Amino acid sequence: MALKRLKEAGHAIACHGLRHRNAVKYAEEYTLEKYIADEIIPAIELMKEKGFSPTSFAYPVSSRNEKTDDALLKYFSYMRSGCPIEGTIAQTEKFFVKVEDVPKKGLLWGVSFHPHSKTDELVIQVKEAIDRIIKNRELLVLYAHDIRNKEEGGPKNFITVDALEEVLIYSMKNKIKLYSFDELP
């Protein structure tokens, strides 16, 4: 099973809901309690049956509000959502959290990171963001939906292997600590 291999390699396996439902829309159409009962509790139970203990939640389509955050914090230590880049990644304040403030946060904003080459503009922007986190002792969350080569088939949102390698090499050269959500301070 691919998820078990990812876990064994040190990755956190977050909950993403049972059926990838939009939390805000589902809670508005039904109730927040029904969203938790239909989408979250069964997902956690299924994950536990498969040997995973999710400690974090990744919002499908980054749809969230304070009510969903408060409800989900009863089940997870951290939640991840995304937001648009404002100018550049390094200029988008929501993406950055002081390292010492991470334990006080339930919600961490992340960058939907899907560059298709190691020279992609997003890779250049992430390197600038890495320079910022070094200078300011901050944390930055990057997420991708798939890792593959350009010519391989798969979901439209993906990062290429060479782009990921470029960011990891830059991070290692700059002695950046990489965390999974299960390892957050």
C-alpha atoms as a PDB file:
ATOM      1  CA  MET A   1       0.000   0.000   0.000  1.00  0.00           C
ATOM      2  CA  ALA A   2       1.429   3.369  -1.070  1.00  0.00           C
ATOM      3  CA  LEU A   3       0.330   5.174   2.120  1.00  0.00           C
ATOM      4  CA  LYS A   4       2.201   2.698   4.295  1.00  0.00           C
ATOM      5  CA  ARG A   5       5.366   3.233   2.256  1.00  0.00           C
ATOM      6  CA  LEU A   6       4.985   6.994   2.643  1.00  0.00           C
ATOM      7  CA  LYS A   7       4.509   6.633   6.399  1.00  0.00           C
ATOM      8  CA  GLU A   8       7.561   4.359   6.654  1.00  0.00           C
ATOM      9  CA  ALA A   9       9.561   7.015   4.786  1.00  0.00           C
ATOM     10  CA  GLY A  10       8.711   9.554   7.504  1.00  0.00           C
ATOM     11  CA  HIS A  11       5.727  11.345   6.001  1.00  0.00           C
ATOM     12  CA  ALA A  12       2.676  12.305   8.032  1.00  0.00           C
ATOM     13  CA  ILE A  13      -0.570  10.844   6.739  1.00  0.00           C
ATOM     14  CA  ALA A  14      -3.190  13.492   7.386  1.00  0.00           C
ATOM     15  CA  CYS A  15      -6.921  13.056   7.264  1.00  0.00           C
ATOM     16  CA  HIS A  16      -8.553  14.637   4.218  1.00  0.00           C
ATOM     17  CA  GLY A  17     -12.109  13.561   4.999  1.00  0.00           C
ATOM     18  CA  LEU A  18     -13.898  10.386   3.993  1.00  0.00           C
ATOM     19  CA  ARG A  19     -15.290  11.622   0.665  1.00  0.00           C
ATOM     20  CA  HIS A  20     -13.324  14.859   0.113  1.00  0.00           C
ATOM     21  CA  ARG A  21     -16.377  16.973   0.897  1.00  0.00           C
ATOM     22  CA  ASN A  22     -16.185  20.748   1.166  1.00  0.00           C
ATOM     23  CA  ALA A  23     -16.437  21.363   4.936  1.00  0.00           C
ATOM     24  CA  VAL A  24     -18.102  24.787   4.769  1.00  0.00           C
ATOM     25  CA  LYS A  25     -20.658  23.903   2.083  1.00  0.00           C
ATOM     26  CA  TYR A  26     -21.574  20.601   3.722  1.00  0.00           C
ATOM     27  CA  ALA A  27     -21.980  22.235   7.142  1.00  0.00           C
ATOM     28  CA  GLU A  28     -24.146  24.992   5.623  1.00  0.00           C
ATOM     29  CA  GLU A  29     -26.313  22.546   3.665  1.00  0.00           C
ATOM     30  CA  TYR A  30     -26.734  20.169   6.604  1.00  0.00           C
ATOM     31  CA  THR A  31     -25.015  20.949   9.920  1.00  0.00           C
ATOM     32  CA  LEU A  32     -21.484  21.035  11.209  1.00  0.00           C
ATOM     33  CA  GLU A  33     -22.334  18.081  13.449  1.00  0.00           C
ATOM     34  CA  LYS A  34     -23.467  16.095  10.390  1.00  0.00           C
ATOM     35  CA  TYR A  35     -20.220  16.974   8.593  1.00  0.00           C
ATOM     36  CA  ILE A  36     -18.227  15.609  11.547  1.00  0.00           C
ATOM     37  CA  ALA A  37     -20.452  12.497  11.758  1.00  0.00           C
ATOM     38  CA  ASP A  38     -20.442  11.783   8.008  1.00  0.00           C
ATOM     39  CA  GLU A  39     -16.991  12.903   6.952  1.00  0.00           C
ATOM     40  CA  ILE A  40     -14.556  13.057   9.879  1.00  0.00           C
ATOM     41  CA  ILE A  41     -15.364  10.290  12.349  1.00  0.00           C
ATOM     42  CA  PRO A  42     -15.691   7.577   9.675  1.00  0.00           C
ATOM     43  CA  ALA A  43     -12.455   8.768   8.025  1.00  0.00           C
ATOM     44  CA  ILE A  44     -10.560   8.595  11.320  1.00  0.00           C
ATOM     45  CA  GLU A  45     -11.998   5.150  12.064  1.00  0.00           C
ATOM     46  CA  LEU A  46     -11.065   3.854   8.603  1.00  0.00           C
ATOM     47  CA  MET A  47      -7.552   5.282   8.892  1.00  0.00           C
ATOM     48  CA  LYS A  48      -7.099   3.649  12.300  1.00  0.00           C
ATOM     49  CA  GLU A  49      -8.311   0.306  10.887  1.00  0.00           C
ATOM     50  CA  LYS A  50      -5.582   0.615   8.243  1.00  0.00           C
ATOM     51  CA  GLY A  51      -2.897   1.381  10.851  1.00  0.00           C
ATOM     52  CA  PHE A  52      -2.798   5.184  10.694  1.00  0.00           C
ATOM     53  CA  SER A  53      -3.428   7.619  13.544  1.00  0.00           C
ATOM     54  CA  PRO A  54      -4.097  10.988  11.933  1.00  0.00           C
ATOM     55  CA  THR A  55      -3.045  13.983  14.008  1.00  0.00           C
ATOM     56  CA  SER A  56      -3.657  16.586  11.313  1.00  0.00           C
ATOM     57  CA  PHE A  57      -6.337  17.458   8.788  1.00  0.00           C
ATOM     58  CA  ALA A  58      -5.943  18.904   5.292  1.00  0.00           C
ATOM     59  CA  TYR A  59      -9.050  20.802   4.222  1.00  0.00           C
ATOM     60  CA  PRO A  60     -10.407  19.623   0.855  1.00  0.00           C
ATOM     61  CA  VAL A  61     -10.297  22.554  -1.586  1.00  0.00           C
ATOM     62  CA  SER A  62      -9.013  24.639   1.369  1.00  0.00           C
ATOM     63  CA  SER A  63     -12.614  25.397   2.357  1.00  0.00           C
ATOM     64  CA  ARG A  64     -12.767  26.324   6.059  1.00  0.00           C
ATOM     65  CA  ASN A  65     -14.033  28.865   8.536  1.00  0.00           C
ATOM     66  CA  GLU A  66     -13.668  29.453  12.282  1.00  0.00           C
ATOM     67  CA  LYS A  67     -16.546  27.103  13.084  1.00  0.00           C
ATOM     68  CA  THR A  68     -15.035  24.207  11.147  1.00  0.00           C
ATOM     69  CA  ASP A  69     -11.621  24.967  12.668  1.00  0.00           C
ATOM     70  CA  ASP A  70     -13.025  24.883  16.218  1.00  0.00           C
ATOM     71  CA  ALA A  71     -14.868  21.618  15.554  1.00  0.00           C
ATOM     72  CA  LEU A  72     -11.903  19.891  13.931  1.00  0.00           C
ATOM     73  CA  LEU A  73      -9.473  20.919  16.671  1.00  0.00           C
ATOM     74  CA  LYS A  74     -11.336  18.452  18.882  1.00  0.00           C
ATOM     75  CA  TYR A  75      -9.997  15.666  16.624  1.00  0.00           C
ATOM     76  CA  PHE A  76      -6.685  16.991  15.273  1.00  0.00           C
ATOM     77  CA  SER A  77      -3.670  18.904  16.579  1.00  0.00           C
ATOM     78  CA  TYR A  78      -3.224  20.835  13.346  1.00  0.00           C
ATOM     79  CA  MET A  79      -5.185  21.685  10.240  1.00  0.00           C
ATOM     80  CA  ARG A  80      -3.829  22.822   6.877  1.00  0.00           C
ATOM     81  CA  SER A  81      -5.559  25.084   4.434  1.00  0.00           C
ATOM     82  CA  GLY A  82      -4.327  27.024   1.448  1.00  0.00           C
ATOM     83  CA  CYS A  83      -4.788  30.554   0.215  1.00  0.00           C
ATOM     84  CA  PRO A  84      -3.780  32.460  -2.907  1.00  0.00           C
ATOM     85  CA  ILE A  85      -0.268  33.843  -3.270  1.00  0.00           C
ATOM     86  CA  GLU A  86      -0.285  37.631  -2.837  1.00  0.00           C
ATOM     87  CA  GLY A  87       2.540  38.929  -5.017  1.00  0.00           C
ATOM     88  CA  THR A  88       5.146  36.278  -4.254  1.00  0.00           C
ATOM     89  CA  ILE A  89       5.257  33.414  -1.764  1.00  0.00           C
ATOM     90  CA  ALA A  90       7.721  35.352   0.426  1.00  0.00           C
ATOM     91  CA  GLN A  91       5.360  38.359   0.445  1.00  0.00           C
ATOM     92  CA  THR A  92       2.282  36.359   1.497  1.00  0.00           C
ATOM     93  CA  GLU A  93       2.295  36.820   5.277  1.00  0.00           C
ATOM     94  CA  LYS A  94      -0.301  34.084   5.958  1.00  0.00           C
ATOM     95  CA  PHE A  95       2.186  31.430   4.873  1.00  0.00           C
ATOM     96  CA  PHE A  96       4.699  32.211   7.633  1.00  0.00           C
ATOM     97  CA  VAL A  97       4.589  31.430  11.338  1.00  0.00           C
ATOM     98  CA  LYS A  98       7.334  32.107  13.868  1.00  0.00           C
ATOM     99  CA  VAL A  99       8.740  28.745  14.968  1.00  0.00           C
ATOM    100  CA  GLU A 100       7.993  29.493  18.622  1.00  0.00           C
ATOM    101  CA  ASP A 101       4.336  30.268  17.745  1.00  0.00           C
ATOM    102  CA  VAL A 102       3.636  26.966  15.940  1.00  0.00           C
ATOM    103  CA  PRO A 103       2.386  25.127  19.081  1.00  0.00           C
ATOM    104  CA  LYS A 104      -0.206  27.898  19.604  1.00  0.00           C
ATOM    105  CA  LYS A 105      -1.617  27.494  16.103  1.00  0.00           C
ATOM    106  CA  GLY A 106      -4.271  25.011  15.146  1.00  0.00           C
ATOM    107  CA  LEU A 107      -4.466  26.182  11.550  1.00  0.00           C
ATOM    108  CA  LEU A 108      -1.424  26.487   9.330  1.00  0.00           C
ATOM    109  CA  TRP A 109      -1.731  28.085   5.899  1.00  0.00           C
ATOM    110  CA  GLY A 110       0.130  26.333   3.131  1.00  0.00           C
ATOM    111  CA  VAL A 111       1.332  27.004  -0.382  1.00  0.00           C
ATOM    112  CA  SER A 112      -0.157  24.792  -3.078  1.00  0.00           C
ATOM    113  CA  PHE A 113       3.203  23.999  -4.639  1.00  0.00           C
ATOM    114  CA  HIS A 114       3.063  22.470  -8.126  1.00  0.00           C
ATOM    115  CA  PRO A 115       6.101  23.565 -10.203  1.00  0.00           C
ATOM    116  CA  HIS A 116       6.800  21.562 -13.355  1.00  0.00           C
ATOM    117  CA  SER A 117      10.579  22.091 -13.617  1.00  0.00           C
ATOM    118  CA  LYS A 118      13.508  23.027 -11.408  1.00  0.00           C
ATOM    119  CA  THR A 119      13.626  26.446 -13.139  1.00  0.00           C
ATOM    120  CA  ASP A 120       9.881  27.109 -12.658  1.00  0.00           C
ATOM    121  CA  GLU A 121       9.023  30.528 -11.193  1.00  0.00           C
ATOM    122  CA  LEU A 122       7.495  28.788  -8.141  1.00  0.00           C
ATOM    123  CA  VAL A 123      10.841  27.125  -7.349  1.00  0.00           C
ATOM    124  CA  ILE A 124      12.547  30.536  -7.503  1.00  0.00           C
ATOM    125  CA  GLN A 125       9.857  31.944  -5.191  1.00  0.00           C
ATOM    126  CA  VAL A 126      10.235  29.085  -2.710  1.00  0.00           C
ATOM    127  CA  LYS A 127      13.981  29.660  -2.561  1.00  0.00           C
ATOM    128  CA  GLU A 128      13.255  33.312  -1.669  1.00  0.00           C
ATOM    129  CA  ALA A 129      10.759  32.097   0.958  1.00  0.00           C
ATOM    130  CA  ILE A 130      13.415  29.744   2.376  1.00  0.00           C
ATOM    131  CA  ASP A 131      15.763  32.721   2.683  1.00  0.00           C
ATOM    132  CA  ARG A 132      13.007  34.503   4.597  1.00  0.00           C
ATOM    133  CA  ILE A 133      12.388  31.638   7.032  1.00  0.00           C
ATOM    134  CA  ILE A 134      16.120  31.455   7.761  1.00  0.00           C
ATOM    135  CA  LYS A 135      16.274  35.179   8.504  1.00  0.00           C
ATOM    136  CA  ASN A 136      13.076  35.310  10.589  1.00  0.00           C
ATOM    137  CA  ARG A 137      13.039  31.837  12.235  1.00  0.00           C
ATOM    138  CA  GLU A 138       9.724  30.980  10.594  1.00  0.00           C
ATOM    139  CA  LEU A 139       7.923  27.904   9.392  1.00  0.00           C
ATOM    140  CA  LEU A 140       6.533  27.537   5.860  1.00  0.00           C
ATOM    141  CA  VAL A 141       4.111  24.809   4.773  1.00  0.00           C
ATOM    142  CA  LEU A 142       4.308  23.542   1.194  1.00  0.00           C
ATOM    143  CA  TYR A 143       1.968  20.904  -0.168  1.00  0.00           C
ATOM    144  CA  ALA A 144       1.566  19.096  -3.455  1.00  0.00           C
ATOM    145  CA  HIS A 145      -0.988  16.609  -4.678  1.00  0.00           C
ATOM    146  CA  ASP A 146       1.312  14.348  -6.674  1.00  0.00           C
ATOM    147  CA  ILE A 147       5.011  13.905  -7.420  1.00  0.00           C
ATOM    148  CA  ARG A 148       5.808  12.715 -10.930  1.00  0.00           C
ATOM    149  CA  ASN A 149       7.579  13.509 -14.152  1.00  0.00           C
ATOM    150  CA  LYS A 150       5.838  15.792 -16.652  1.00  0.00           C
ATOM    151  CA  GLU A 151       5.328  13.056 -19.240  1.00  0.00           C
ATOM    152  CA  GLU A 152       3.620  10.693 -16.769  1.00  0.00           C
ATOM    153  CA  GLY A 153      -0.145  10.723 -16.483  1.00  0.00           C
ATOM    154  CA  GLY A 154      -1.892  11.747 -13.297  1.00  0.00           C
ATOM    155  CA  PRO A 155      -3.755  14.558 -11.560  1.00  0.00           C
ATOM    156  CA  LYS A 156      -3.409  18.093 -12.958  1.00  0.00           C
ATOM    157  CA  ASN A 157      -1.849  19.357  -9.707  1.00  0.00           C
ATOM    158  CA  PHE A 158       1.626  17.858  -9.395  1.00  0.00           C
ATOM    159  CA  ILE A 159       5.244  18.730  -8.697  1.00  0.00           C
ATOM    160  CA  THR A 160       7.949  17.259 -10.887  1.00  0.00           C
ATOM    161  CA  VAL A 161      10.700  15.168  -9.368  1.00  0.00           C
ATOM    162  CA  ASP A 162      13.416  17.599 -10.513  1.00  0.00           C
ATOM    163  CA  ALA A 163      11.567  20.596  -9.012  1.00  0.00           C
ATOM    164  CA  LEU A 164      11.191  18.810  -5.681  1.00  0.00           C
ATOM    165  CA  GLU A 165      14.850  17.775  -5.729  1.00  0.00           C
ATOM    166  CA  GLU A 166      15.895  21.372  -6.426  1.00  0.00           C
ATOM    167  CA  VAL A 167      13.960  22.646  -3.392  1.00  0.00           C
ATOM    168  CA  LEU A 168      15.247  19.841  -1.155  1.00  0.00           C
ATOM    169  CA  ILE A 169      18.867  20.477  -2.201  1.00  0.00           C
ATOM    170  CA  TYR A 170      18.448  24.213  -1.526  1.00  0.00           C
ATOM    171  CA  SER A 171      16.895  23.417   1.864  1.00  0.00           C
ATOM    172  CA  MET A 172      19.719  21.030   2.783  1.00  0.00           C
ATOM    173  CA  LYS A 173      22.408  23.515   1.722  1.00  0.00           C
ATOM    174  CA  ASN A 174      20.773  26.088   3.998  1.00  0.00           C
ATOM    175  CA  LYS A 175      20.351  23.604   6.873  1.00  0.00           C
ATOM    176  CA  ILE A 176      16.559  23.911   6.901  1.00  0.00           C
ATOM    177  CA  LYS A 177      14.769  21.542   9.281  1.00  0.00           C
ATOM    178  CA  LEU A 178      12.019  19.757   7.375  1.00  0.00           C
ATOM    179  CA  TYR A 179       9.020  18.673   9.441  1.00  0.00           C
ATOM    180  CA  SER A 180       6.077  16.452   8.775  1.00  0.00           C
ATOM    181  CA  PHE A 181       2.903  17.565  10.514  1.00  0.00           C
ATOM    182  CA  ASP A 182       3.471  14.762  13.050  1.00  0.00           C
ATOM    183  CA  GLU A 183       6.826  16.315  14.006  1.00  0.00           C
ATOM    184  CA  LEU A 184       5.789  19.936  14.433  1.00  0.00           C
ATOM    185  CA  PRO A 185       7.150  21.573  17.582  1.00  0.00           C
END
